[in-house]
């Protein structure tokens, strides 16, 4: 059973940066970051595929966030720049493993506030 552990959340001022990390205990086909703001549904922020490293971003984060991965270490990262208060929420790492099953991390809080 693959497990995910996120790290890197915290409090940052508007315009600041944070880097989230997700460590997987095994091989993953795709790694994604989702976020959930208070009172809102969980939404996809970005994803990256293992073969080829193709990526996809939510329109709201394009040009500000970058997802990357280290295949050899089963790690995924989300570099978040020019953060806005509306980026506040709990960020979850999700992975697709063998047979395309979903695995979720426990989440890490990101708060953007002055």
Protein backbone atom coordinates (compact mmCIF):
# COMPACT_ATOMS: atom_id res chain seq x y z
CA UNK A 1 0.00 0.00 0.00
CA UNK A 2 1.55 3.27 -1.15
CA UNK A 3 1.39 6.06 1.42
CA UNK A 4 1.86 9.79 0.90
CA UNK A 5 3.27 12.38 3.29
CA UNK A 6 3.02 16.09 2.57
CA UNK A 7 5.15 18.85 4.05
CA UNK A 8 5.96 22.50 3.50
CA UNK A 9 2.74 24.31 4.34
CA UNK A 10 2.59 27.37 6.54
CA UNK A 11 1.69 31.02 6.84
CA UNK A 12 2.95 33.42 4.18
CA UNK A 13 2.21 37.00 3.23
CA UNK A 14 0.53 37.85 -0.08
CA UNK A 15 3.10 37.84 -2.85
CA UNK A 16 5.25 35.33 -1.02
CA UNK A 17 6.30 31.79 -1.94
CA UNK A 18 6.03 28.31 -0.51
CA UNK A 19 7.20 24.92 -1.68
CA UNK A 20 5.15 21.86 -0.87
CA UNK A 21 6.64 18.37 -0.94
CA UNK A 22 4.95 14.99 -1.22
CA UNK A 23 6.83 11.80 -0.46
CA UNK A 24 5.40 8.54 -1.79
CA UNK A 25 6.41 5.19 -0.30
CA UNK A 26 6.20 3.47 -3.68
CA UNK A 27 5.85 3.88 -7.42
CA UNK A 28 3.20 6.26 -8.74
CA UNK A 29 1.82 6.77 -12.23
CA UNK A 30 0.58 10.30 -11.60
CA UNK A 31 0.93 12.76 -8.73
CA UNK A 32 -1.44 15.64 -8.17
CA UNK A 33 -2.04 18.48 -5.78
CA UNK A 34 -5.56 19.38 -4.73
CA UNK A 35 -6.71 22.07 -2.34
CA UNK A 36 -9.80 22.73 -0.28
CA UNK A 37 -10.72 26.15 1.03
CA UNK A 38 -13.14 26.54 3.94
CA UNK A 39 -16.69 25.99 2.76
CA UNK A 40 -15.61 25.00 -0.74
CA UNK A 41 -15.17 21.75 -2.61
CA UNK A 42 -11.78 20.19 -3.12
CA UNK A 43 -10.29 21.27 -6.45
CA UNK A 44 -7.42 20.12 -8.63
CA UNK A 45 -4.47 22.50 -8.56
CA UNK A 46 -1.90 20.67 -10.69
CA UNK A 47 -0.89 17.20 -11.82
CA UNK A 48 2.14 15.56 -13.32
CA UNK A 49 2.39 12.19 -15.04
CA UNK A 50 5.27 9.79 -14.56
CA UNK A 51 5.76 8.83 -18.21
CA UNK A 52 7.02 11.95 -19.93
CA UNK A 53 6.27 14.35 -17.11
CA UNK A 54 3.30 16.06 -18.78
CA UNK A 55 1.54 18.56 -16.54
CA UNK A 56 -1.81 20.25 -16.13
CA UNK A 57 -2.75 23.30 -14.05
CA UNK A 58 -5.89 24.98 -12.84
CA UNK A 59 -6.40 28.29 -14.63
CA UNK A 60 -6.22 30.13 -11.31
CA UNK A 61 -2.61 29.07 -10.69
CA UNK A 62 -1.12 29.06 -14.20
CA UNK A 63 2.05 31.11 -14.34
CA UNK A 64 2.39 31.14 -10.54
CA UNK A 65 2.64 27.47 -9.51
CA UNK A 66 4.95 24.80 -10.83
CA UNK A 67 4.59 21.07 -10.22
CA UNK A 68 7.59 18.79 -10.56
CA UNK A 69 8.68 15.33 -9.53
CA UNK A 70 11.77 13.25 -8.85
CA UNK A 71 10.92 9.82 -10.16
CA UNK A 72 13.88 8.10 -8.58
CA UNK A 73 12.84 9.36 -5.14
CA UNK A 74 9.06 9.12 -5.64
CA UNK A 75 8.77 12.78 -4.70
CA UNK A 76 6.52 15.52 -6.05
CA UNK A 77 6.76 19.22 -5.40
CA UNK A 78 4.54 22.24 -5.80
CA UNK A 79 6.39 25.54 -6.03
CA UNK A 80 3.92 28.31 -5.29
CA UNK A 81 4.90 31.89 -6.12
CA UNK A 82 3.00 35.19 -6.02
CA UNK A 83 0.62 33.71 -3.49
CA UNK A 84 -2.78 35.31 -3.00
CA UNK A 85 -5.21 35.14 -0.07
CA UNK A 86 -7.51 33.03 -2.25
CA UNK A 87 -4.80 30.36 -2.38
CA UNK A 88 -5.48 29.65 1.30
CA UNK A 89 -6.63 26.15 2.07
CA UNK A 90 -5.59 22.62 2.90
CA UNK A 91 -3.40 21.20 0.16
CA UNK A 92 -3.56 17.46 -0.46
CA UNK A 93 -1.22 15.28 -2.42
CA UNK A 94 -2.91 12.55 -4.43
CA UNK A 95 -1.29 9.73 -6.37
CA UNK A 96 -2.48 7.25 -8.94
CA UNK A 97 -0.80 3.92 -8.32
CA UNK A 98 -0.97 0.55 -10.07
CA UNK A 99 -4.48 -0.19 -11.48
CA UNK A 100 -5.07 3.58 -11.33
CA UNK A 101 -6.21 3.46 -7.72
CA UNK A 102 -6.18 6.76 -5.80
CA UNK A 103 -4.10 7.36 -2.71
CA UNK A 104 -4.35 10.55 -0.63
CA UNK A 105 -2.07 12.28 1.83
CA UNK A 106 -3.19 13.81 5.10
CA UNK A 107 -3.04 17.41 3.84
CA UNK A 108 -1.00 20.45 4.78
CA UNK A 109 -2.39 23.89 5.62
CA UNK A 110 -1.42 26.91 3.52
CA UNK A 111 -2.50 30.31 4.77
CA UNK A 112 -1.85 33.47 2.79
CA UNK A 113 -2.49 36.50 4.93
CA UNK A 114 -0.90 39.77 5.96
